[in-house]
Amino acid sequence: MQHSALKILVKALDIPDELRTFLNTNNIDNLESVIIYKIHEIMSMEGFSYRILYQLLDVLNSYDCLDLLEER
């Protein structure tokens, strides 16, 4: 199932500034660009913190996309 929220640009998302900065720093333009990564890959990205991870999980959950991020 394709979630329409996946295509929303990071700059248009209602997300914490810290998460927006993290995504921009790592050249992640939308949620679709996030879910291609494994969780351990996200954890090794520049600027990662567990607060970022919790914010990301919260955003994915709010857009009903949390199930698309897998720990593979």
PDB file of N, CA and C in Angstrom:
ATOM      1  N   MET A   1       0.844  -1.186   0.000  1.00  0.00           N
ATOM      2  CA  MET A   1       0.000   0.000   0.000  1.00  0.00           C
ATOM      3  C   MET A   1       0.886   1.244   0.000  1.00  0.00           C
ATOM      4  N   GLN A   2       0.624   2.170  -0.864  1.00  0.00           N
ATOM      5  CA  GLN A   2       1.383   3.409  -0.960  1.00  0.00           C
ATOM      6  C   GLN A   2       0.725   4.472  -0.082  1.00  0.00           C
ATOM      7  N   HIS A   3       1.459   4.995   0.872  1.00  0.00           N
ATOM      8  CA  HIS A   3       0.965   6.063   1.742  1.00  0.00           C
ATOM      9  C   HIS A   3       1.248   7.406   1.081  1.00  0.00           C
ATOM     10  N   SER A   4       0.235   8.236   0.955  1.00  0.00           N
ATOM     11  CA  SER A   4       0.421   9.540   0.317  1.00  0.00           C
ATOM     12  C   SER A   4       1.345  10.440   1.139  1.00  0.00           C
ATOM     13  N   ALA A   5       1.402  10.231   2.442  1.00  0.00           N
ATOM     14  CA  ALA A   5       2.252  11.054   3.305  1.00  0.00           C
ATOM     15  C   ALA A   5       3.733  10.865   3.005  1.00  0.00           C
ATOM     16  N   LEU A   6       4.092   9.768   2.379  1.00  0.00           N
ATOM     17  CA  LEU A   6       5.500   9.491   2.101  1.00  0.00           C
ATOM     18  C   LEU A   6       6.122  10.525   1.175  1.00  0.00           C
ATOM     19  N   LYS A   7       5.327  11.143   0.339  1.00  0.00           N
ATOM     20  CA  LYS A   7       5.831  12.100  -0.649  1.00  0.00           C
ATOM     21  C   LYS A   7       5.892  13.535  -0.128  1.00  0.00           C
ATOM     22  N   ILE A   8       5.344  13.799   1.052  1.00  0.00           N
ATOM     23  CA  ILE A   8       5.347  15.155   1.594  1.00  0.00           C
ATOM     24  C   ILE A   8       6.786  15.568   1.881  1.00  0.00           C
ATOM     25  N   LEU A   9       7.165  16.727   1.403  1.00  0.00           N
ATOM     26  CA  LEU A   9       8.519  17.224   1.628  1.00  0.00           C
ATOM     27  C   LEU A   9       8.741  17.543   3.103  1.00  0.00           C
ATOM     28  N   VAL A  10       9.960  17.302   3.562  1.00  0.00           N
ATOM     29  CA  VAL A  10      10.328  17.564   4.954  1.00  0.00           C
ATOM     30  C   VAL A  10       9.983  19.000   5.337  1.00  0.00           C
ATOM     31  N   LYS A  11      10.248  19.948   4.444  1.00  0.00           N
ATOM     32  CA  LYS A  11       9.987  21.348   4.761  1.00  0.00           C
ATOM     33  C   LYS A  11       8.501  21.631   4.963  1.00  0.00           C
ATOM     34  N   ALA A  12       7.621  20.759   4.475  1.00  0.00           N
ATOM     35  CA  ALA A  12       6.180  20.946   4.630  1.00  0.00           C
ATOM     36  C   ALA A  12       5.600  20.169   5.808  1.00  0.00           C
ATOM     37  N   LEU A  13       6.403  19.305   6.411  1.00  0.00           N
ATOM     38  CA  LEU A  13       5.928  18.499   7.535  1.00  0.00           C
ATOM     39  C   LEU A  13       5.904  19.315   8.825  1.00  0.00           C
ATOM     40  N   ASP A  14       4.925  19.044   9.659  1.00  0.00           N
ATOM     41  CA  ASP A  14       4.850  19.660  10.981  1.00  0.00           C
ATOM     42  C   ASP A  14       5.641  18.761  11.936  1.00  0.00           C
ATOM     43  N   ILE A  15       6.946  19.014  12.009  1.00  0.00           N
ATOM     44  CA  ILE A  15       7.841  18.180  12.813  1.00  0.00           C
ATOM     45  C   ILE A  15       8.750  19.078  13.641  1.00  0.00           C
ATOM     46  N   PRO A  16       9.323  18.520  14.713  1.00  0.00           N
ATOM     47  CA  PRO A  16      10.254  19.319  15.527  1.00  0.00           C
ATOM     48  C   PRO A  16      11.450  19.800  14.700  1.00  0.00           C
ATOM     49  N   ASP A  17      11.932  20.994  15.021  1.00  0.00           N
ATOM     50  CA  ASP A  17      13.071  21.575  14.299  1.00  0.00           C
ATOM     51  C   ASP A  17      14.299  20.672  14.352  1.00  0.00           C
ATOM     52  N   GLU A  18      14.515  20.030  15.476  1.00  0.00           N
ATOM     53  CA  GLU A  18      15.667  19.138  15.628  1.00  0.00           C
ATOM     54  C   GLU A  18      15.610  17.992  14.619  1.00  0.00           C
ATOM     55  N   LEU A  19      14.433  17.420  14.441  1.00  0.00           N
ATOM     56  CA  LEU A  19      14.257  16.338  13.473  1.00  0.00           C
ATOM     57  C   LEU A  19      14.419  16.868  12.048  1.00  0.00           C
ATOM     58  N   ARG A  20      13.858  18.036  11.773  1.00  0.00           N
ATOM     59  CA  ARG A  20      13.978  18.641  10.444  1.00  0.00           C
ATOM     60  C   ARG A  20      15.458  18.871  10.092  1.00  0.00           C
ATOM     61  N   THR A  21      16.220  19.390  11.050  1.00  0.00           N
ATOM     62  CA  THR A  21      17.650  19.629  10.837  1.00  0.00           C
ATOM     63  C   THR A  21      18.379  18.319  10.559  1.00  0.00           C
ATOM     64  N   PHE A  22      18.068  17.286  11.328  1.00  0.00           N
ATOM     65  CA  PHE A  22      18.682  15.973  11.134  1.00  0.00           C
ATOM     66  C   PHE A  22      18.395  15.447   9.726  1.00  0.00           C
ATOM     67  N   LEU A  23      17.145  15.519   9.309  1.00  0.00           N
ATOM     68  CA  LEU A  23      16.766  15.025   7.983  1.00  0.00           C
ATOM     69  C   LEU A  23      17.442  15.832   6.883  1.00  0.00           C
ATOM     70  N   ASN A  24      17.453  17.140   7.029  1.00  0.00           N
ATOM     71  CA  ASN A  24      18.106  17.989   6.026  1.00  0.00           C
ATOM     72  C   ASN A  24      19.608  17.728   5.959  1.00  0.00           C
ATOM     73  N   THR A  25      20.240  17.572   7.110  1.00  0.00           N
ATOM     74  CA  THR A  25      21.678  17.305   7.170  1.00  0.00           C
ATOM     75  C   THR A  25      22.036  16.028   6.429  1.00  0.00           C
ATOM     76  N   ASN A  26      21.125  15.063   6.471  1.00  0.00           N
ATOM     77  CA  ASN A  26      21.373  13.764   5.845  1.00  0.00           C
ATOM     78  C   ASN A  26      20.698  13.636   4.486  1.00  0.00           C
ATOM     79  N   ASN A  27      20.324  14.784   3.906  1.00  0.00           N
ATOM     80  CA  ASN A  27      19.740  14.840   2.556  1.00  0.00           C
ATOM     81  C   ASN A  27      18.514  13.950   2.401  1.00  0.00           C
ATOM     82  N   ILE A  28      17.679  13.955   3.415  1.00  0.00           N
ATOM     83  CA  ILE A  28      16.431  13.202   3.378  1.00  0.00           C
ATOM     84  C   ILE A  28      15.316  14.203   3.099  1.00  0.00           C
ATOM     85  N   ASP A  29      14.684  14.059   1.934  1.00  0.00           N
ATOM     86  CA  ASP A  29      13.711  15.043   1.466  1.00  0.00           C
ATOM     87  C   ASP A  29      12.273  14.778   1.883  1.00  0.00           C
ATOM     88  N   ASN A  30      11.946  13.509   2.143  1.00  0.00           N
ATOM     89  CA  ASN A  30      10.571  13.147   2.493  1.00  0.00           C
ATOM     90  C   ASN A  30      10.589  11.843   3.296  1.00  0.00           C
ATOM     91  N   LEU A  31       9.425  11.438   3.774  1.00  0.00           N
ATOM     92  CA  LEU A  31       9.352  10.225   4.601  1.00  0.00           C
ATOM     93  C   LEU A  31       9.709   8.976   3.805  1.00  0.00           C
ATOM     94  N   GLU A  32       9.422   9.001   2.524  1.00  0.00           N
ATOM     95  CA  GLU A  32       9.782   7.869   1.674  1.00  0.00           C
ATOM     96  C   GLU A  32      11.302   7.654   1.683  1.00  0.00           C
ATOM     97  N   SER A  33      12.040   8.745   1.759  1.00  0.00           N
ATOM     98  CA  SER A  33      13.500   8.658   1.797  1.00  0.00           C
ATOM     99  C   SER A  33      14.011   8.138   3.137  1.00  0.00           C
ATOM    100  N   VAL A  34      13.188   8.218   4.164  1.00  0.00           N
ATOM    101  CA  VAL A  34      13.571   7.706   5.488  1.00  0.00           C
ATOM    102  C   VAL A  34      13.408   6.193   5.546  1.00  0.00           C
ATOM    103  N   ILE A  35      12.294   5.701   5.047  1.00  0.00           N
ATOM    104  CA  ILE A  35      11.971   4.287   5.259  1.00  0.00           C
ATOM    105  C   ILE A  35      12.823   3.329   4.434  1.00  0.00           C
ATOM    106  N   ILE A  36      13.656   3.865   3.549  1.00  0.00           N
ATOM    107  CA  ILE A  36      14.558   2.976   2.807  1.00  0.00           C
ATOM    108  C   ILE A  36      15.727   2.534   3.673  1.00  0.00           C
ATOM    109  N   TYR A  37      15.937   3.256   4.793  1.00  0.00           N
ATOM    110  CA  TYR A  37      17.044   2.926   5.682  1.00  0.00           C
ATOM    111  C   TYR A  37      16.628   1.936   6.752  1.00  0.00           C
ATOM    112  N   LYS A  38      17.572   1.146   7.163  1.00  0.00           N
ATOM    113  CA  LYS A  38      17.384   0.285   8.325  1.00  0.00           C
ATOM    114  C   LYS A  38      17.616   1.146   9.557  1.00  0.00           C
ATOM    115  N   ILE A  39      17.015   0.762  10.671  1.00  0.00           N
ATOM    116  CA  ILE A  39      17.137   1.559  11.886  1.00  0.00           C
ATOM    117  C   ILE A  39      18.599   1.737  12.279  1.00  0.00           C
ATOM    118  N   HIS A  40      19.401   0.686  12.177  1.00  0.00           N
ATOM    119  CA  HIS A  40      20.811   0.832  12.565  1.00  0.00           C
ATOM    120  C   HIS A  40      21.554   1.790  11.640  1.00  0.00           C
ATOM    121  N   GLU A  41      21.098   1.938  10.396  1.00  0.00           N
ATOM    122  CA  GLU A  41      21.705   2.911   9.487  1.00  0.00           C
ATOM    123  C   GLU A  41      21.345   4.339   9.896  1.00  0.00           C
ATOM    124  N   ILE A  42      20.107   4.539  10.298  1.00  0.00           N
ATOM    125  CA  ILE A  42      19.668   5.846  10.784  1.00  0.00           C
ATOM    126  C   ILE A  42      20.471   6.226  12.020  1.00  0.00           C
ATOM    127  N   MET A  43      20.711   5.243  12.867  1.00  0.00           N
ATOM    128  CA  MET A  43      21.440   5.496  14.106  1.00  0.00           C
ATOM    129  C   MET A  43      22.898   5.884  13.854  1.00  0.00           C
ATOM    130  N   SER A  44      23.422   5.579  12.680  1.00  0.00           N
ATOM    131  CA  SER A  44      24.817   5.927  12.386  1.00  0.00           C
ATOM    132  C   SER A  44      24.932   7.217  11.569  1.00  0.00           C
ATOM    133  N   MET A  45      23.817   7.882  11.303  1.00  0.00           N
ATOM    134  CA  MET A  45      23.835   9.117  10.513  1.00  0.00           C
ATOM    135  C   MET A  45      24.303  10.298  11.357  1.00  0.00           C
ATOM    136  N   GLU A  46      24.824  11.297  10.659  1.00  0.00           N
ATOM    137  CA  GLU A  46      25.302  12.510  11.312  1.00  0.00           C
ATOM    138  C   GLU A  46      24.180  13.191  12.084  1.00  0.00           C
ATOM    139  N   GLY A  47      24.451  13.528  13.337  1.00  0.00           N
ATOM    140  CA  GLY A  47      23.487  14.245  14.160  1.00  0.00           C
ATOM    141  C   GLY A  47      22.479  13.369  14.866  1.00  0.00           C
ATOM    142  N   PHE A  48      22.633  12.039  14.765  1.00  0.00           N
ATOM    143  CA  PHE A  48      21.668  11.140  15.389  1.00  0.00           C
ATOM    144  C   PHE A  48      21.690  11.267  16.904  1.00  0.00           C
ATOM    145  N   SER A  49      20.507  11.173  17.493  1.00  0.00           N
ATOM    146  CA  SER A  49      20.342  11.019  18.938  1.00  0.00           C
ATOM    147  C   SER A  49      19.086  10.177  19.138  1.00  0.00           C
ATOM    148  N   TYR A  50      18.947   9.612  20.322  1.00  0.00           N
ATOM    149  CA  TYR A  50      17.741   8.821  20.572  1.00  0.00           C
ATOM    150  C   TYR A  50      16.502   9.707  20.575  1.00  0.00           C
ATOM    151  N   ARG A  51      16.655  10.962  20.927  1.00  0.00           N
ATOM    152  CA  ARG A  51      15.517  11.887  20.852  1.00  0.00           C
ATOM    153  C   ARG A  51      15.053  12.021  19.402  1.00  0.00           C
ATOM    154  N   ILE A  52      16.012  12.091  18.464  1.00  0.00           N
ATOM    155  CA  ILE A  52      15.684  12.126  17.029  1.00  0.00           C
ATOM    156  C   ILE A  52      14.912  10.870  16.641  1.00  0.00           C
ATOM    157  N   LEU A  53      15.391   9.723  17.095  1.00  0.00           N
ATOM    158  CA  LEU A  53      14.715   8.464  16.761  1.00  0.00           C
ATOM    159  C   LEU A  53      13.279   8.468  17.269  1.00  0.00           C
ATOM    160  N   TYR A  54      13.078   8.884  18.512  1.00  0.00           N
ATOM    161  CA  TYR A  54      11.720   8.922  19.065  1.00  0.00           C
ATOM    162  C   TYR A  54      10.843   9.905  18.291  1.00  0.00           C
ATOM    163  N   GLN A  55      11.398  11.047  17.904  1.00  0.00           N
ATOM    164  CA  GLN A  55      10.636  12.017  17.119  1.00  0.00           C
ATOM    165  C   GLN A  55      10.269  11.436  15.760  1.00  0.00           C
ATOM    166  N   LEU A  56      11.216  10.760  15.145  1.00  0.00           N
ATOM    167  CA  LEU A  56      10.969  10.148  13.838  1.00  0.00           C
ATOM    168  C   LEU A  56       9.885   9.078  13.935  1.00  0.00           C
ATOM    169  N   LEU A  57       9.979   8.237  14.945  1.00  0.00           N
ATOM    170  CA  LEU A  57       8.968   7.199  15.128  1.00  0.00           C
ATOM    171  C   LEU A  57       7.598   7.808  15.367  1.00  0.00           C
ATOM    172  N   ASP A  58       7.554   8.880  16.131  1.00  0.00           N
ATOM    173  CA  ASP A  58       6.290   9.563  16.406  1.00  0.00           C
ATOM    174  C   ASP A  58       5.683  10.140  15.122  1.00  0.00           C
ATOM    175  N   VAL A  59       6.521  10.760  14.284  1.00  0.00           N
ATOM    176  CA  VAL A  59       6.038  11.329  13.030  1.00  0.00           C
ATOM    177  C   VAL A  59       5.531  10.225  12.100  1.00  0.00           C
ATOM    178  N   LEU A  60       6.310   9.166  11.961  1.00  0.00           N
ATOM    179  CA  LEU A  60       5.872   8.054  11.107  1.00  0.00           C
ATOM    180  C   LEU A  60       4.556   7.468  11.612  1.00  0.00           C
ATOM    181  N   ASN A  61       4.437   7.343  12.921  1.00  0.00           N
ATOM    182  CA  ASN A  61       3.208   6.821  13.494  1.00  0.00           C
ATOM    183  C   ASN A  61       2.032   7.762  13.215  1.00  0.00           C
ATOM    184  N   SER A  62       2.254   9.066  13.325  1.00  0.00           N
ATOM    185  CA  SER A  62       1.168  10.028  13.107  1.00  0.00           C
ATOM    186  C   SER A  62       0.677  10.010  11.662  1.00  0.00           C
ATOM    187  N   TYR A  63       1.542   9.622  10.732  1.00  0.00           N
ATOM    188  CA  TYR A  63       1.154   9.511   9.321  1.00  0.00           C
ATOM    189  C   TYR A  63       0.822   8.065   8.938  1.00  0.00           C
ATOM    190  N   ASP A  64       0.686   7.206   9.945  1.00  0.00           N
ATOM    191  CA  ASP A  64       0.340   5.794   9.748  1.00  0.00           C
ATOM    192  C   ASP A  64       1.347   5.091   8.839  1.00  0.00           C
ATOM    193  N   CYS A  65       2.621   5.405   9.018  1.00  0.00           N
ATOM    194  CA  CYS A  65       3.686   4.807   8.207  1.00  0.00           C
ATOM    195  C   CYS A  65       4.710   4.061   9.057  1.00  0.00           C
ATOM    196  N   LEU A  66       4.474   3.964  10.337  1.00  0.00           N
ATOM    197  CA  LEU A  66       5.460   3.363  11.227  1.00  0.00           C
ATOM    198  C   LEU A  66       5.778   1.932  10.832  1.00  0.00           C
ATOM    199  N   ASP A  67       4.786   1.217  10.353  1.00  0.00           N
ATOM    200  CA  ASP A  67       4.991  -0.178   9.967  1.00  0.00           C
ATOM    201  C   ASP A  67       5.928  -0.328   8.764  1.00  0.00           C
ATOM    202  N   LEU A  68       6.181   0.759   8.044  1.00  0.00           N
ATOM    203  CA  LEU A  68       7.053   0.699   6.882  1.00  0.00           C
ATOM    204  C   LEU A  68       8.533   0.791   7.241  1.00  0.00           C
ATOM    205  N   LEU A  69       8.821   1.276   8.455  1.00  0.00           N
ATOM    206  CA  LEU A  69      10.203   1.334   8.929  1.00  0.00           C
ATOM    207  C   LEU A  69      10.472   0.058   9.685  1.00  0.00           C
ATOM    208  N   GLU A  70      11.356  -0.726   9.152  1.00  0.00           N
ATOM    209  CA  GLU A  70      11.633  -2.027   9.741  1.00  0.00           C
ATOM    210  C   GLU A  70      13.045  -2.080  10.263  1.00  0.00           C
ATOM    211  N   GLU A  71      13.218  -2.842  11.295  1.00  0.00           N
ATOM    212  CA  GLU A  71      14.572  -3.140  11.742  1.00  0.00           C
ATOM    213  C   GLU A  71      14.956  -4.432  11.057  1.00  0.00           C
ATOM    214  N   ARG A  72      15.698  -4.294   9.966  1.00  0.00           N
ATOM    215  CA  ARG A  72      16.050  -5.457   9.156  1.00  0.00           C
ATOM    216  C   ARG A  72      17.449  -5.884   9.432  1.00  0.00           C
TER     217      ARG A  72
END
